[in-house]
Structures are given as C-alpha cells and as structure tokens.
Amino acid sequence: MAQIVVTINGRSYPVACNEGEERRIEELARYVDGKVKGFARELGQIGEARLLVLAALVLADELADAHTTPGREKPGNGLAAEDERVAAGVENLAQRIEAIAARLEAAHI
C-alpha cells in the first residue's frame, strides 16, 4: 500500500492508496482543491469541514449527472472503462473527504 500526502485548501492530508494509484489520487486531489478554493473564495473560510462537505456534495452531484447524462449509458452497461475508472476514483476520494470532514466536525475544528 502506498502513502501520499495531498493538499486541499492549504492543509495536508495523508492518503493511503494502492501502488500505482498515486498520480491519479494526486490529480483528483487537485480537482477537489480547486472546488474547495472556489467555494472559499465565494463564501469565505466557513470552516474546513463545511468546505469539504460542500465539495463532496458537489462532486457527488457531478458524478450522478455523469451517470445519467442523456446519450451515455450507465456504468456496467457499456460506459467506457476510462470513465468508470475516473468515476470510481472520484467516488472513492469523495468518500475519503466525507470521512475527514466527519472527523473534523466531531473534533469541532
């Protein structure tokens, strides 16, 4: 198992991933970081947990839209393997972000 550190909104988070997934997780983290920074610019620093939850919800919405876009088949029914891999990566990262946000919220950070 590989261990990398990703930075989102100026904070570093250690992330475990399978060997060979490091680059993809870093790409996904940059995408999430862009979303969080955009919300921070728009809404101000409303708290790390809230920004992460908001980003996770928006990413989940984007993922749901990608699965139901007209003209595209649902995963498992012919969706391109690359799209499935990207969707799985985003979903996995969203789950990790939600877990981090829950821990931060529980700690009242």
PDB file of N, CA and C in Angstrom:
ATOM      1  N   MET A   1       0.847  -1.167   0.000  1.00  0.00           N
ATOM      2  CA  MET A   1       0.000   0.000   0.000  1.00  0.00           C
ATOM      3  C   MET A   1       0.899   1.239   0.000  1.00  0.00           C
ATOM      4  N   ALA A   2       0.589   2.160  -0.878  1.00  0.00           N
ATOM      5  CA  ALA A   2       1.354   3.401  -0.983  1.00  0.00           C
ATOM      6  C   ALA A   2       0.749   4.457  -0.064  1.00  0.00           C
ATOM      7  N   GLN A   3       1.548   5.412   0.322  1.00  0.00           N
ATOM      8  CA  GLN A   3       1.107   6.520   1.166  1.00  0.00           C
ATOM      9  C   GLN A   3       1.548   7.808   0.488  1.00  0.00           C
ATOM     10  N   ILE A   4       0.609   8.717   0.252  1.00  0.00           N
ATOM     11  CA  ILE A   4       0.944  10.017  -0.322  1.00  0.00           C
ATOM     12  C   ILE A   4       0.327  11.094   0.566  1.00  0.00           C
ATOM     13  N   VAL A   5       0.722  12.320   0.337  1.00  0.00           N
ATOM     14  CA  VAL A   5       0.144  13.461   1.047  1.00  0.00           C
ATOM     15  C   VAL A   5      -0.450  14.383  -0.001  1.00  0.00           C
ATOM     16  N   VAL A   6      -1.737  14.696   0.170  1.00  0.00           N
ATOM     17  CA  VAL A   6      -2.398  15.630  -0.733  1.00  0.00           C
ATOM     18  C   VAL A   6      -2.700  16.904   0.045  1.00  0.00           C
ATOM     19  N   THR A   7      -2.780  18.020  -0.671  1.00  0.00           N
ATOM     20  CA  THR A   7      -3.063  19.299  -0.034  1.00  0.00           C
ATOM     21  C   THR A   7      -4.361  19.842  -0.593  1.00  0.00           C
ATOM     22  N   ILE A   8      -5.271  20.142   0.314  1.00  0.00           N
ATOM     23  CA  ILE A   8      -6.563  20.716  -0.053  1.00  0.00           C
ATOM     24  C   ILE A   8      -6.796  21.932   0.826  1.00  0.00           C
ATOM     25  N   ASN A   9      -6.978  23.057   0.163  1.00  0.00           N
ATOM     26  CA  ASN A   9      -7.211  24.331   0.846  1.00  0.00           C
ATOM     27  C   ASN A   9      -6.099  24.649   1.842  1.00  0.00           C
ATOM     28  N   GLY A  10      -4.876  24.330   1.452  1.00  0.00           N
ATOM     29  CA  GLY A  10      -3.713  24.663   2.268  1.00  0.00           C
ATOM     30  C   GLY A  10      -3.409  23.682   3.379  1.00  0.00           C
ATOM     31  N   ARG A  11      -4.215  22.641   3.543  1.00  0.00           N
ATOM     32  CA  ARG A  11      -3.977  21.628   4.575  1.00  0.00           C
ATOM     33  C   ARG A  11      -3.531  20.334   3.930  1.00  0.00           C
ATOM     34  N   SER A  12      -2.597  19.686   4.576  1.00  0.00           N
ATOM     35  CA  SER A  12      -2.063  18.427   4.060  1.00  0.00           C
ATOM     36  C   SER A  12      -2.779  17.254   4.714  1.00  0.00           C
ATOM     37  N   TYR A  13      -3.087  16.250   3.888  1.00  0.00           N
ATOM     38  CA  TYR A  13      -3.768  15.049   4.356  1.00  0.00           C
ATOM     39  C   TYR A  13      -3.020  13.819   3.849  1.00  0.00           C
ATOM     40  N   PRO A  14      -2.621  12.930   4.739  1.00  0.00           N
ATOM     41  CA  PRO A  14      -2.017  11.677   4.283  1.00  0.00           C
ATOM     42  C   PRO A  14      -3.124  10.766   3.741  1.00  0.00           C
ATOM     43  N   VAL A  15      -2.837  10.127   2.624  1.00  0.00           N
ATOM     44  CA  VAL A  15      -3.812   9.255   1.989  1.00  0.00           C
ATOM     45  C   VAL A  15      -3.122   7.952   1.605  1.00  0.00           C
ATOM     46  N   ALA A  16      -3.713   6.844   1.993  1.00  0.00           N
ATOM     47  CA  ALA A  16      -3.209   5.537   1.578  1.00  0.00           C
ATOM     48  C   ALA A  16      -3.921   5.154   0.286  1.00  0.00           C
ATOM     49  N   CYS A  17      -3.193   4.543  -0.625  1.00  0.00           N
ATOM     50  CA  CYS A  17      -3.773   4.091  -1.883  1.00  0.00           C
ATOM     51  C   CYS A  17      -2.992   2.883  -2.382  1.00  0.00           C
ATOM     52  N   ASN A  18      -3.541   2.207  -3.352  1.00  0.00           N
ATOM     53  CA  ASN A  18      -2.843   1.074  -3.947  1.00  0.00           C
ATOM     54  C   ASN A  18      -1.639   1.556  -4.738  1.00  0.00           C
ATOM     55  N   GLU A  19      -0.618   0.721  -4.807  1.00  0.00           N
ATOM     56  CA  GLU A  19       0.564   1.043  -5.605  1.00  0.00           C
ATOM     57  C   GLU A  19       0.125   1.358  -7.036  1.00  0.00           C
ATOM     58  N   GLY A  20       0.664   2.410  -7.597  1.00  0.00           N
ATOM     59  CA  GLY A  20       0.340   2.807  -8.959  1.00  0.00           C
ATOM     60  C   GLY A  20      -0.813   3.786  -9.060  1.00  0.00           C
ATOM     61  N   GLU A  21      -1.541   4.013  -7.984  1.00  0.00           N
ATOM     62  CA  GLU A  21      -2.668   4.951  -7.990  1.00  0.00           C
ATOM     63  C   GLU A  21      -2.268   6.357  -7.543  1.00  0.00           C
ATOM     64  N   GLU A  22      -1.027   6.524  -7.140  1.00  0.00           N
ATOM     65  CA  GLU A  22      -0.592   7.791  -6.550  1.00  0.00           C
ATOM     66  C   GLU A  22      -0.870   8.982  -7.463  1.00  0.00           C
ATOM     67  N   ARG A  23      -0.496   8.880  -8.708  1.00  0.00           N
ATOM     68  CA  ARG A  23      -0.658  10.008  -9.636  1.00  0.00           C
ATOM     69  C   ARG A  23      -2.136  10.359  -9.805  1.00  0.00           C
ATOM     70  N   ARG A  24      -2.982   9.349  -9.929  1.00  0.00           N
ATOM     71  CA  ARG A  24      -4.410   9.595 -10.120  1.00  0.00           C
ATOM     72  C   ARG A  24      -5.023  10.250  -8.886  1.00  0.00           C
ATOM     73  N   ILE A  25      -4.641   9.780  -7.711  1.00  0.00           N
ATOM     74  CA  ILE A  25      -5.162  10.379  -6.465  1.00  0.00           C
ATOM     75  C   ILE A  25      -4.700  11.829  -6.362  1.00  0.00           C
ATOM     76  N   GLU A  26      -3.465  12.101  -6.741  1.00  0.00           N
ATOM     77  CA  GLU A  26      -2.973  13.483  -6.724  1.00  0.00           C
ATOM     78  C   GLU A  26      -3.766  14.358  -7.688  1.00  0.00           C
ATOM     79  N   GLU A  27      -4.105  13.829  -8.879  1.00  0.00           N
ATOM     80  CA  GLU A  27      -4.915  14.577  -9.842  1.00  0.00           C
ATOM     81  C   GLU A  27      -6.304  14.862  -9.268  1.00  0.00           C
ATOM     82  N   LEU A  28      -6.896  13.847  -8.660  1.00  0.00           N
ATOM     83  CA  LEU A  28      -8.213  14.025  -8.059  1.00  0.00           C
ATOM     84  C   LEU A  28      -8.172  15.036  -6.919  1.00  0.00           C
ATOM     85  N   ALA A  29      -7.111  14.980  -6.131  1.00  0.00           N
ATOM     86  CA  ALA A  29      -6.960  15.930  -5.025  1.00  0.00           C
ATOM     87  C   ALA A  29      -6.837  17.361  -5.547  1.00  0.00           C
ATOM     88  N   ARG A  30      -6.127  17.551  -6.648  1.00  0.00           N
ATOM     89  CA  ARG A  30      -6.026  18.897  -7.243  1.00  0.00           C
ATOM     90  C   ARG A  30      -7.396  19.386  -7.699  1.00  0.00           C
ATOM     91  N   TYR A  31      -8.195  18.484  -8.242  1.00  0.00           N
ATOM     92  CA  TYR A  31      -9.545  18.845  -8.677  1.00  0.00           C
ATOM     93  C   TYR A  31     -10.399  19.250  -7.468  1.00  0.00           C
ATOM     94  N   VAL A  32     -10.343  18.451  -6.411  1.00  0.00           N
ATOM     95  CA  VAL A  32     -11.081  18.753  -5.187  1.00  0.00           C
ATOM     96  C   VAL A  32     -10.585  20.075  -4.600  1.00  0.00           C
ATOM     97  N   ASP A  33      -9.271  20.269  -4.585  1.00  0.00           N
ATOM     98  CA  ASP A  33      -8.691  21.506  -4.069  1.00  0.00           C
ATOM     99  C   ASP A  33      -9.236  22.710  -4.832  1.00  0.00           C
ATOM    100  N   GLY A  34      -9.344  22.586  -6.137  1.00  0.00           N
ATOM    101  CA  GLY A  34      -9.906  23.670  -6.940  1.00  0.00           C
ATOM    102  C   GLY A  34     -11.338  23.988  -6.548  1.00  0.00           C
ATOM    103  N   LYS A  35     -12.127  22.937  -6.312  1.00  0.00           N
ATOM    104  CA  LYS A  35     -13.516  23.143  -5.880  1.00  0.00           C
ATOM    105  C   LYS A  35     -13.558  23.839  -4.522  1.00  0.00           C
ATOM    106  N   VAL A  36     -12.779  23.331  -3.574  1.00  0.00           N
ATOM    107  CA  VAL A  36     -12.782  23.900  -2.219  1.00  0.00           C
ATOM    108  C   VAL A  36     -12.314  25.345  -2.250  1.00  0.00           C
ATOM    109  N   LYS A  37     -11.246  25.627  -2.980  1.00  0.00           N
ATOM    110  CA  LYS A  37     -10.751  27.007  -3.070  1.00  0.00           C
ATOM    111  C   LYS A  37     -11.783  27.923  -3.714  1.00  0.00           C
ATOM    112  N   GLY A  38     -12.496  27.429  -4.706  1.00  0.00           N
ATOM    113  CA  GLY A  38     -13.551  28.218  -5.337  1.00  0.00           C
ATOM    114  C   GLY A  38     -14.652  28.563  -4.348  1.00  0.00           C
ATOM    115  N   PHE A  39     -15.059  27.568  -3.545  1.00  0.00           N
ATOM    116  CA  PHE A  39     -16.082  27.831  -2.534  1.00  0.00           C
ATOM    117  C   PHE A  39     -15.558  28.789  -1.472  1.00  0.00           C
ATOM    118  N   ALA A  40     -14.299  28.648  -1.093  1.00  0.00           N
ATOM    119  CA  ALA A  40     -13.709  29.537  -0.092  1.00  0.00           C
ATOM    120  C   ALA A  40     -13.681  30.972  -0.608  1.00  0.00           C
ATOM    121  N   ARG A  41     -13.352  31.148  -1.897  1.00  0.00           N
ATOM    122  CA  ARG A  41     -13.357  32.498  -2.479  1.00  0.00           C
ATOM    123  C   ARG A  41     -14.775  33.064  -2.497  1.00  0.00           C
ATOM    124  N   GLU A  42     -15.725  32.213  -2.847  1.00  0.00           N
ATOM    125  CA  GLU A  42     -17.112  32.643  -2.979  1.00  0.00           C
ATOM    126  C   GLU A  42     -17.789  32.879  -1.625  1.00  0.00           C
ATOM    127  N   LEU A  43     -17.540  31.978  -0.671  1.00  0.00           N
ATOM    128  CA  LEU A  43     -18.261  32.011   0.597  1.00  0.00           C
ATOM    129  C   LEU A  43     -17.418  32.467   1.783  1.00  0.00           C
ATOM    130  N   GLY A  44     -16.109  32.560   1.580  1.00  0.00           N
ATOM    131  CA  GLY A  44     -15.210  32.857   2.685  1.00  0.00           C
ATOM    132  C   GLY A  44     -14.806  31.570   3.373  1.00  0.00           C
ATOM    133  N   GLN A  45     -13.926  31.682   4.334  1.00  0.00           N
ATOM    134  CA  GLN A  45     -13.481  30.496   5.072  1.00  0.00           C
ATOM    135  C   GLN A  45     -14.563  30.158   6.100  1.00  0.00           C
ATOM    136  N   ILE A  46     -15.516  29.344   5.677  1.00  0.00           N
ATOM    137  CA  ILE A  46     -16.662  28.983   6.522  1.00  0.00           C
ATOM    138  C   ILE A  46     -16.378  27.758   7.380  1.00  0.00           C
ATOM    139  N   GLY A  47     -15.149  27.342   7.413  1.00  0.00           N
ATOM    140  CA  GLY A  47     -14.763  26.164   8.180  1.00  0.00           C
ATOM    141  C   GLY A  47     -14.360  25.038   7.250  1.00  0.00           C
ATOM    142  N   GLU A  48     -13.274  24.396   7.623  1.00  0.00           N
ATOM    143  CA  GLU A  48     -12.714  23.319   6.794  1.00  0.00           C
ATOM    144  C   GLU A  48     -13.728  22.210   6.542  1.00  0.00           C
ATOM    145  N   ALA A  49     -14.399  21.771   7.592  1.00  0.00           N
ATOM    146  CA  ALA A  49     -15.355  20.665   7.451  1.00  0.00           C
ATOM    147  C   ALA A  49     -16.483  21.045   6.496  1.00  0.00           C
ATOM    148  N   ARG A  50     -17.017  22.233   6.637  1.00  0.00           N
ATOM    149  CA  ARG A  50     -18.119  22.651   5.758  1.00  0.00           C
ATOM    150  C   ARG A  50     -17.660  22.773   4.315  1.00  0.00           C
ATOM    151  N   LEU A  51     -16.474  23.309   4.096  1.00  0.00           N
ATOM    152  CA  LEU A  51     -15.959  23.404   2.730  1.00  0.00           C
ATOM    153  C   LEU A  51     -15.774  22.017   2.118  1.00  0.00           C
ATOM    154  N   LEU A  52     -15.240  21.081   2.901  1.00  0.00           N
ATOM    155  CA  LEU A  52     -15.027  19.727   2.400  1.00  0.00           C
ATOM    156  C   LEU A  52     -16.351  19.017   2.135  1.00  0.00           C
ATOM    157  N   VAL A  53     -17.327  19.205   3.010  1.00  0.00           N
ATOM    158  CA  VAL A  53     -18.634  18.592   2.791  1.00  0.00           C
ATOM    159  C   VAL A  53     -19.292  19.174   1.546  1.00  0.00           C
ATOM    160  N   LEU A  54     -19.213  20.485   1.383  1.00  0.00           N
ATOM    161  CA  LEU A  54     -19.776  21.129   0.205  1.00  0.00           C
ATOM    162  C   LEU A  54     -19.121  20.589  -1.065  1.00  0.00           C
ATOM    163  N   ALA A  55     -17.791  20.490  -1.060  1.00  0.00           N
ATOM    164  CA  ALA A  55     -17.081  19.948  -2.224  1.00  0.00           C
ATOM    165  C   ALA A  55     -17.496  18.505  -2.491  1.00  0.00           C
ATOM    166  N   ALA A  56     -17.614  17.697  -1.433  1.00  0.00           N
ATOM    167  CA  ALA A  56     -18.016  16.298  -1.600  1.00  0.00           C
ATOM    168  C   ALA A  56     -19.411  16.211  -2.203  1.00  0.00           C
ATOM    169  N   LEU A  57     -20.327  17.051  -1.751  1.00  0.00           N
ATOM    170  CA  LEU A  57     -21.681  17.033  -2.289  1.00  0.00           C
ATOM    171  C   LEU A  57     -21.708  17.443  -3.758  1.00  0.00           C
ATOM    172  N   VAL A  58     -20.954  18.472  -4.097  1.00  0.00           N
ATOM    173  CA  VAL A  58     -20.911  18.919  -5.491  1.00  0.00           C
ATOM    174  C   VAL A  58     -20.280  17.846  -6.375  1.00  0.00           C
ATOM    175  N   LEU A  59     -19.216  17.214  -5.894  1.00  0.00           N
ATOM    176  CA  LEU A  59     -18.583  16.144  -6.671  1.00  0.00           C
ATOM    177  C   LEU A  59     -19.522  14.954  -6.824  1.00  0.00           C
ATOM    178  N   ALA A  60     -20.257  14.617  -5.780  1.00  0.00           N
ATOM    179  CA  ALA A  60     -21.230  13.527  -5.872  1.00  0.00           C
ATOM    180  C   ALA A  60     -22.317  13.877  -6.884  1.00  0.00           C
ATOM    181  N   ASP A  61     -22.737  15.133  -6.902  1.00  0.00           N
ATOM    182  CA  ASP A  61     -23.735  15.586  -7.866  1.00  0.00           C
ATOM    183  C   ASP A  61     -23.190  15.487  -9.286  1.00  0.00           C
ATOM    184  N   GLU A  62     -21.952  15.916  -9.487  1.00  0.00           N
ATOM    185  CA  GLU A  62     -21.323  15.809 -10.805  1.00  0.00           C
ATOM    186  C   GLU A  62     -21.245  14.348 -11.245  1.00  0.00           C
ATOM    187  N   LEU A  63     -20.894  13.484 -10.314  1.00  0.00           N
ATOM    188  CA  LEU A  63     -20.796  12.058 -10.613  1.00  0.00           C
ATOM    189  C   LEU A  63     -22.164  11.493 -10.983  1.00  0.00           C
ATOM    190  N   ALA A  64     -23.184  11.863 -10.236  1.00  0.00           N
ATOM    191  CA  ALA A  64     -24.542  11.396 -10.535  1.00  0.00           C
ATOM    192  C   ALA A  64     -24.980  11.892 -11.909  1.00  0.00           C
ATOM    193  N   ASP A  65     -24.686  13.161 -12.219  1.00  0.00           N
ATOM    194  CA  ASP A  65     -25.023  13.704 -13.530  1.00  0.00           C
ATOM    195  C   ASP A  65     -24.301  12.946 -14.637  1.00  0.00           C
ATOM    196  N   ALA A  66     -23.046  12.616 -14.415  1.00  0.00           N
ATOM    197  CA  ALA A  66     -22.270  11.891 -15.424  1.00  0.00           C
ATOM    198  C   ALA A  66     -22.870  10.514 -15.680  1.00  0.00           C
ATOM    199  N   HIS A  67     -23.458   9.931 -14.653  1.00  0.00           N
ATOM    200  CA  HIS A  67     -24.055   8.604 -14.794  1.00  0.00           C
ATOM    201  C   HIS A  67     -25.405   8.649 -15.493  1.00  0.00           C
ATOM    202  N   THR A  68     -26.050   9.816 -15.521  1.00  0.00           N
ATOM    203  CA  THR A  68     -27.393   9.904 -16.082  1.00  0.00           C
ATOM    204  C   THR A  68     -27.489  10.864 -17.253  1.00  0.00           C
ATOM    205  N   THR A  69     -26.354  11.317 -17.788  1.00  0.00           N
ATOM    206  CA  THR A  69     -26.368  12.233 -18.920  1.00  0.00           C
ATOM    207  C   THR A  69     -26.998  11.541 -20.126  1.00  0.00           C
ATOM    208  N   PRO A  70     -27.968  12.194 -20.794  1.00  0.00           N
ATOM    209  CA  PRO A  70     -28.579  11.582 -21.982  1.00  0.00           C
ATOM    210  C   PRO A  70     -27.519  11.203 -23.015  1.00  0.00           C
ATOM    211  N   GLY A  71     -27.696  10.051 -23.609  1.00  0.00           N
ATOM    212  CA  GLY A  71     -26.752   9.589 -24.623  1.00  0.00           C
ATOM    213  C   GLY A  71     -25.607   8.785 -24.058  1.00  0.00           C
ATOM    214  N   ARG A  72     -25.520   8.739 -22.746  1.00  0.00           N
ATOM    215  CA  ARG A  72     -24.478   7.939 -22.094  1.00  0.00           C
ATOM    216  C   ARG A  72     -25.141   6.800 -21.364  1.00  0.00           C
ATOM    217  N   GLU A  73     -24.522   5.664 -21.434  1.00  0.00           N
ATOM    218  CA  GLU A  73     -25.068   4.513 -20.729  1.00  0.00           C
ATOM    219  C   GLU A  73     -24.587   4.527 -19.294  1.00  0.00           C
ATOM    220  N   LYS A  74     -25.329   3.860 -18.437  1.00  0.00           N
ATOM    221  CA  LYS A  74     -24.953   3.766 -17.039  1.00  0.00           C
ATOM    222  C   LYS A  74     -23.763   2.839 -16.875  1.00  0.00           C
ATOM    223  N   PRO A  75     -22.967   3.028 -15.806  1.00  0.00           N
ATOM    224  CA  PRO A  75     -21.827   2.153 -15.565  1.00  0.00           C
ATOM    225  C   PRO A  75     -22.259   0.688 -15.548  1.00  0.00           C
ATOM    226  N   GLY A  76     -21.403  -0.142 -16.109  1.00  0.00           N
ATOM    227  CA  GLY A  76     -21.704  -1.557 -16.175  1.00  0.00           C
ATOM    228  C   GLY A  76     -22.513  -1.915 -17.402  1.00  0.00           C
ATOM    229  N   ASN A  77     -23.008  -0.915 -18.115  1.00  0.00           N
ATOM    230  CA  ASN A  77     -23.811  -1.161 -19.319  1.00  0.00           C
ATOM    231  C   ASN A  77     -23.166  -0.527 -20.541  1.00  0.00           C
ATOM    232  N   GLY A  78     -21.843  -0.571 -20.621  1.00  0.00           N
ATOM    233  CA  GLY A  78     -21.175  -0.071 -21.810  1.00  0.00           C
ATOM    234  C   GLY A  78     -20.437   1.237 -21.627  1.00  0.00           C
ATOM    235  N   LEU A  79     -20.456   1.838 -20.449  1.00  0.00           N
ATOM    236  CA  LEU A  79     -19.714   3.065 -20.211  1.00  0.00           C
ATOM    237  C   LEU A  79     -18.237   2.762 -20.398  1.00  0.00           C
ATOM    238  N   ALA A  80     -17.524   3.639 -21.035  1.00  0.00           N
ATOM    239  CA  ALA A  80     -16.108   3.404 -21.321  1.00  0.00           C
ATOM    240  C   ALA A  80     -15.343   3.075 -20.047  1.00  0.00           C
ATOM    241  N   ALA A  81     -14.391   2.166 -20.156  1.00  0.00           N
ATOM    242  CA  ALA A  81     -13.619   1.733 -18.986  1.00  0.00           C
ATOM    243  C   ALA A  81     -12.923   2.910 -18.314  1.00  0.00           C
ATOM    244  N   GLU A  82     -12.423   3.844 -19.088  1.00  0.00           N
ATOM    245  CA  GLU A  82     -11.747   5.019 -18.513  1.00  0.00           C
ATOM    246  C   GLU A  82     -12.729   5.852 -17.702  1.00  0.00           C
ATOM    247  N   ASP A  83     -13.939   6.043 -18.210  1.00  0.00           N
ATOM    248  CA  ASP A  83     -14.952   6.790 -17.477  1.00  0.00           C
ATOM    249  C   ASP A  83     -15.298   6.097 -16.167  1.00  0.00           C
ATOM    250  N   GLU A  84     -15.395   4.769 -16.207  1.00  0.00           N
ATOM    251  CA  GLU A  84     -15.683   4.018 -14.985  1.00  0.00           C
ATOM    252  C   GLU A  84     -14.564   4.193 -13.977  1.00  0.00           C
ATOM    253  N   ARG A  85     -13.315   4.176 -14.451  1.00  0.00           N
ATOM    254  CA  ARG A  85     -12.166   4.322 -13.567  1.00  0.00           C
ATOM    255  C   ARG A  85     -12.161   5.714 -12.935  1.00  0.00           C
ATOM    256  N   VAL A  86     -12.418   6.733 -13.735  1.00  0.00           N
ATOM    257  CA  VAL A  86     -12.454   8.105 -13.224  1.00  0.00           C
ATOM    258  C   VAL A  86     -13.597   8.259 -12.224  1.00  0.00           C
ATOM    259  N   ALA A  87     -14.759   7.740 -12.567  1.00  0.00           N
ATOM    260  CA  ALA A  87     -15.913   7.837 -11.673  1.00  0.00           C
ATOM    261  C   ALA A  87     -15.624   7.130 -10.353  1.00  0.00           C
ATOM    262  N   ALA A  88     -15.013   5.965 -10.421  1.00  0.00           N
ATOM    263  CA  ALA A  88     -14.682   5.224  -9.202  1.00  0.00           C
ATOM    264  C   ALA A  88     -13.670   6.006  -8.367  1.00  0.00           C
ATOM    265  N   GLY A  89     -12.699   6.628  -9.023  1.00  0.00           N
ATOM    266  CA  GLY A  89     -11.701   7.424  -8.309  1.00  0.00           C
ATOM    267  C   GLY A  89     -12.320   8.620  -7.615  1.00  0.00           C
ATOM    268  N   VAL A  90     -13.208   9.324  -8.304  1.00  0.00           N
ATOM    269  CA  VAL A  90     -13.875  10.487  -7.712  1.00  0.00           C
ATOM    270  C   VAL A  90     -14.759  10.042  -6.553  1.00  0.00           C
ATOM    271  N   GLU A  91     -15.479   8.948  -6.752  1.00  0.00           N
ATOM    272  CA  GLU A  91     -16.351   8.442  -5.687  1.00  0.00           C
ATOM    273  C   GLU A  91     -15.536   8.040  -4.460  1.00  0.00           C
ATOM    274  N   ASN A  92     -14.407   7.359  -4.689  1.00  0.00           N
ATOM    275  CA  ASN A  92     -13.539   6.946  -3.594  1.00  0.00           C
ATOM    276  C   ASN A  92     -13.003   8.163  -2.853  1.00  0.00           C
ATOM    277  N   LEU A  93     -12.539   9.155  -3.595  1.00  0.00           N
ATOM    278  CA  LEU A  93     -11.999  10.355  -2.965  1.00  0.00           C
ATOM    279  C   LEU A  93     -13.092  11.125  -2.220  1.00  0.00           C
ATOM    280  N   ALA A  94     -14.288  11.176  -2.783  1.00  0.00           N
ATOM    281  CA  ALA A  94     -15.398  11.851  -2.097  1.00  0.00           C
ATOM    282  C   ALA A  94     -15.704  11.171  -0.766  1.00  0.00           C
ATOM    283  N   GLN A  95     -15.658   9.837  -0.746  1.00  0.00           N
ATOM    284  CA  GLN A  95     -15.891   9.120   0.499  1.00  0.00           C
ATOM    285  C   GLN A  95     -14.807   9.435   1.523  1.00  0.00           C
ATOM    286  N   ARG A  96     -13.562   9.525   1.058  1.00  0.00           N
ATOM    287  CA  ARG A  96     -12.464   9.855   1.963  1.00  0.00           C
ATOM    288  C   ARG A  96     -12.629  11.267   2.517  1.00  0.00           C
ATOM    289  N   ILE A  97     -13.029  12.194   1.656  1.00  0.00           N
ATOM    290  CA  ILE A  97     -13.225  13.585   2.084  1.00  0.00           C
ATOM    291  C   ILE A  97     -14.359  13.658   3.101  1.00  0.00           C
ATOM    292  N   GLU A  98     -15.438  12.929   2.843  1.00  0.00           N
ATOM    293  CA  GLU A  98     -16.552  12.922   3.787  1.00  0.00           C
ATOM    294  C   GLU A  98     -16.108  12.377   5.144  1.00  0.00           C
ATOM    295  N   ALA A  99     -15.267  11.343   5.142  1.00  0.00           N
ATOM    296  CA  ALA A  99     -14.766  10.783   6.403  1.00  0.00           C
ATOM    297  C   ALA A  99     -13.889  11.795   7.133  1.00  0.00           C
ATOM    298  N   ILE A 100     -13.031  12.499   6.397  1.00  0.00           N
ATOM    299  CA  ILE A 100     -12.180  13.526   7.000  1.00  0.00           C
ATOM    300  C   ILE A 100     -13.047  14.647   7.567  1.00  0.00           C
ATOM    301  N   ALA A 101     -14.054  15.062   6.791  1.00  0.00           N
ATOM    302  CA  ALA A 101     -14.942  16.132   7.246  1.00  0.00           C
ATOM    303  C   ALA A 101     -15.688  15.721   8.505  1.00  0.00           C
ATOM    304  N   ALA A 102     -16.118  14.472   8.558  1.00  0.00           N
ATOM    305  CA  ALA A 102     -16.825  13.990   9.752  1.00  0.00           C
ATOM    306  C   ALA A 102     -15.912  14.016  10.969  1.00  0.00           C
ATOM    307  N   ARG A 103     -14.637  13.603  10.778  1.00  0.00           N
ATOM    308  CA  ARG A 103     -13.691  13.641  11.899  1.00  0.00           C
ATOM    309  C   ARG A 103     -13.439  15.075  12.335  1.00  0.00           C
ATOM    310  N   LEU A 104     -13.292  15.988  11.370  1.00  0.00           N
ATOM    311  CA  LEU A 104     -13.065  17.395  11.716  1.00  0.00           C
ATOM    312  C   LEU A 104     -14.285  17.969  12.439  1.00  0.00           C
ATOM    313  N   GLU A 105     -15.460  17.637  11.956  1.00  0.00           N
ATOM    314  CA  GLU A 105     -16.694  18.128  12.584  1.00  0.00           C
ATOM    315  C   GLU A 105     -16.817  17.587  14.001  1.00  0.00           C
ATOM    316  N   ALA A 106     -16.483  16.315  14.185  1.00  0.00           N
ATOM    317  CA  ALA A 106     -16.550  15.702  15.516  1.00  0.00           C
ATOM    318  C   ALA A 106     -15.557  16.348  16.473  1.00  0.00           C
ATOM    319  N   ALA A 107     -14.421  16.787  15.937  1.00  0.00           N
ATOM    320  CA  ALA A 107     -13.400  17.426  16.766  1.00  0.00           C
ATOM    321  C   ALA A 107     -13.673  18.926  16.927  1.00  0.00           C
ATOM    322  N   HIS A 108     -14.724  19.417  16.246  1.00  0.00           N
ATOM    323  CA  HIS A 108     -15.102  20.841  16.294  1.00  0.00           C
ATOM    324  C   HIS A 108     -13.996  21.742  15.801  1.00  0.00           C
ATOM    325  N   ILE A 109     -13.341  21.326  14.710  1.00  0.00           N
ATOM    326  CA  ILE A 109     -12.256  22.144  14.127  1.00  0.00           C
ATOM    327  C   ILE A 109     -12.845  23.052  13.083  1.00  0.00           C
TER     328      ILE A 109
END
